[in-house]
């Protein structure tokens, strides 16, 4: 393999690696955002007084 072909192959590998890292960072950021939203929903859904009394007379 000549030097030009080797240089192109290394450059392409570097670009692929950078693209993969960028996609992974975006995926991690999205997962963190989703996790924060789930925590907010769970905090809002906690109401200890709901369900403590049941009206059995109808």
N, C-alpha and C. Protein backbone atom coordinates (compact mmCIF):
# COMPACT_ATOMS: atom_id res chain seq x y z
N UNK A 1 0.86 -1.16 0.00
CA UNK A 1 0.00 0.00 0.00
C UNK A 1 0.91 1.23 0.00
N UNK A 2 0.59 2.16 -0.86
CA UNK A 2 1.42 3.36 -0.91
C UNK A 2 1.01 4.36 0.16
N UNK A 3 1.81 5.37 0.32
CA UNK A 3 1.62 6.35 1.40
C UNK A 3 0.32 7.14 1.20
N UNK A 4 -0.02 7.49 -0.03
CA UNK A 4 -1.24 8.25 -0.28
C UNK A 4 -2.48 7.45 0.12
N UNK A 5 -2.51 6.18 -0.25
CA UNK A 5 -3.66 5.33 0.11
C UNK A 5 -3.73 5.14 1.62
N UNK A 6 -2.60 4.97 2.26
CA UNK A 6 -2.57 4.82 3.71
C UNK A 6 -3.06 6.09 4.40
N UNK A 7 -2.64 7.22 3.88
CA UNK A 7 -3.07 8.49 4.44
C UNK A 7 -4.58 8.68 4.31
N UNK A 8 -5.13 8.32 3.15
CA UNK A 8 -6.58 8.43 2.95
C UNK A 8 -7.34 7.49 3.87
N UNK A 9 -6.85 6.28 4.02
CA UNK A 9 -7.50 5.30 4.89
C UNK A 9 -7.50 5.79 6.34
N UNK A 10 -6.38 6.33 6.79
CA UNK A 10 -6.29 6.84 8.16
C UNK A 10 -7.21 8.04 8.35
N UNK A 11 -7.29 8.89 7.36
CA UNK A 11 -8.16 10.06 7.43
C UNK A 11 -9.63 9.64 7.52
N UNK A 12 -10.01 8.67 6.71
CA UNK A 12 -11.39 8.18 6.74
C UNK A 12 -11.72 7.53 8.08
N UNK A 13 -10.78 6.80 8.62
CA UNK A 13 -11.00 6.18 9.92
C UNK A 13 -11.15 7.24 11.00
N UNK A 14 -10.37 8.30 10.90
CA UNK A 14 -10.46 9.38 11.88
C UNK A 14 -11.82 10.08 11.79
N UNK A 15 -12.29 10.32 10.58
CA UNK A 15 -13.59 10.96 10.39
C UNK A 15 -14.70 10.08 10.95
N UNK A 16 -14.62 8.78 10.69
CA UNK A 16 -15.63 7.85 11.22
C UNK A 16 -15.63 7.86 12.75
N UNK A 17 -14.45 7.86 13.32
CA UNK A 17 -14.35 7.87 14.78
C UNK A 17 -14.95 9.15 15.35
N UNK A 18 -14.65 10.29 14.75
CA UNK A 18 -15.20 11.56 15.22
C UNK A 18 -16.72 11.58 15.08
N UNK A 19 -17.23 11.04 13.99
CA UNK A 19 -18.68 11.00 13.79
C UNK A 19 -19.33 10.10 14.84
N UNK A 20 -18.73 8.96 15.11
CA UNK A 20 -19.28 8.05 16.12
C UNK A 20 -19.28 8.68 17.51
N UNK A 21 -18.22 9.38 17.83
CA UNK A 21 -18.14 10.04 19.14
C UNK A 21 -19.20 11.14 19.24
N UNK A 22 -19.38 11.89 18.17
CA UNK A 22 -20.39 12.95 18.16
C UNK A 22 -21.79 12.38 18.34
N UNK A 23 -22.09 11.30 17.65
CA UNK A 23 -23.40 10.66 17.78
C UNK A 23 -23.59 10.13 19.19
N UNK A 24 -22.55 9.54 19.75
CA UNK A 24 -22.64 9.01 21.11
C UNK A 24 -22.90 10.12 22.12
N UNK A 25 -22.24 11.26 21.95
CA UNK A 25 -22.46 12.39 22.86
C UNK A 25 -23.91 12.87 22.79
N UNK A 26 -24.44 12.95 21.57
CA UNK A 26 -25.83 13.38 21.42
C UNK A 26 -26.78 12.37 22.04
N UNK A 27 -26.48 11.09 21.90
CA UNK A 27 -27.31 10.04 22.49
C UNK A 27 -27.28 10.13 24.01
N UNK A 28 -26.12 10.36 24.58
CA UNK A 28 -26.00 10.49 26.03
C UNK A 28 -26.76 11.71 26.53
N UNK A 29 -26.63 12.83 25.82
CA UNK A 29 -27.36 14.04 26.20
C UNK A 29 -28.87 13.81 26.17
N UNK A 30 -29.34 13.12 25.13
CA UNK A 30 -30.77 12.84 25.02
C UNK A 30 -31.23 11.92 26.14
N UNK A 31 -30.42 10.93 26.48
CA UNK A 31 -30.78 10.01 27.56
C UNK A 31 -30.84 10.76 28.90
N UNK A 32 -29.91 11.67 29.12
CA UNK A 32 -29.94 12.45 30.36
C UNK A 32 -31.19 13.32 30.41
N UNK A 33 -31.54 13.94 29.29
CA UNK A 33 -32.74 14.77 29.24
C UNK A 33 -33.98 13.93 29.52
N UNK A 34 -34.05 12.76 28.89
CA UNK A 34 -35.19 11.88 29.12
C UNK A 34 -35.27 11.45 30.58
N UNK A 35 -34.14 11.16 31.18
CA UNK A 35 -34.11 10.78 32.58
C UNK A 35 -34.60 11.90 33.49
N UNK A 36 -34.19 13.12 33.19
CA UNK A 36 -34.65 14.26 33.98
C UNK A 36 -36.15 14.45 33.85
N UNK A 37 -36.69 14.25 32.65
CA UNK A 37 -38.13 14.38 32.43
C UNK A 37 -38.89 13.31 33.19
N UNK A 38 -38.37 12.10 33.23
CA UNK A 38 -39.01 11.02 33.97
C UNK A 38 -39.02 11.35 35.46
N UNK A 39 -37.92 11.87 35.96
CA UNK A 39 -37.87 12.25 37.38
C UNK A 39 -38.90 13.32 37.68
N UNK A 40 -39.02 14.32 36.80
CA UNK A 40 -40.02 15.37 37.00
C UNK A 40 -41.43 14.80 37.02
N UNK A 41 -41.72 13.89 36.09
CA UNK A 41 -43.05 13.28 36.06
C UNK A 41 -43.33 12.49 37.32
N UNK A 42 -42.32 11.75 37.80
CA UNK A 42 -42.52 10.97 39.02
C UNK A 42 -42.72 11.87 40.23
N UNK A 43 -42.00 12.97 40.28
CA UNK A 43 -42.17 13.91 41.40
C UNK A 43 -43.56 14.51 41.40
N UNK A 44 -44.09 14.79 40.23
CA UNK A 44 -45.42 15.39 40.14
C UNK A 44 -46.52 14.38 40.43
N UNK A 45 -46.24 13.10 40.22
CA UNK A 45 -47.27 12.09 40.41
C UNK A 45 -47.40 11.64 41.86
N UNK A 46 -46.47 12.03 42.70
CA UNK A 46 -46.52 11.60 44.09
C UNK A 46 -47.49 12.48 44.86
N UNK A 47 -48.59 11.86 45.25
CA UNK A 47 -49.60 12.54 46.06
C UNK A 47 -50.06 11.54 47.11
N UNK A 48 -49.47 11.59 48.29
CA UNK A 48 -49.73 10.55 49.29
C UNK A 48 -51.18 10.48 49.77
N UNK A 49 -51.93 11.57 49.67
CA UNK A 49 -53.30 11.55 50.17
C UNK A 49 -54.26 10.85 49.20
N UNK A 50 -53.88 10.70 47.96
CA UNK A 50 -54.76 10.04 46.99
C UNK A 50 -54.71 8.54 47.21
N UNK A 51 -55.87 7.94 47.28
CA UNK A 51 -55.97 6.50 47.45
C UNK A 51 -55.95 6.04 48.89
N UNK A 52 -55.88 6.97 49.83
CA UNK A 52 -55.85 6.55 51.23
C UNK A 52 -57.25 6.26 51.76
N UNK A 53 -58.26 6.75 51.06
CA UNK A 53 -59.66 6.50 51.47
C UNK A 53 -60.44 5.99 50.28
N UNK A 54 -61.25 4.99 50.56
CA UNK A 54 -62.09 4.43 49.51
C UNK A 54 -63.54 4.51 49.95
N UNK A 55 -64.38 5.07 49.12
CA UNK A 55 -65.80 5.18 49.41
C UNK A 55 -66.47 3.90 48.92
N UNK A 56 -66.89 3.05 49.85
CA UNK A 56 -67.49 1.77 49.46
C UNK A 56 -69.01 1.86 49.40
N UNK A 57 -69.58 2.98 49.79
CA UNK A 57 -71.03 3.14 49.72
C UNK A 57 -71.37 3.85 48.41
N UNK A 58 -72.17 3.21 47.63
CA UNK A 58 -72.54 3.82 46.36
C UNK A 58 -74.03 3.76 46.16
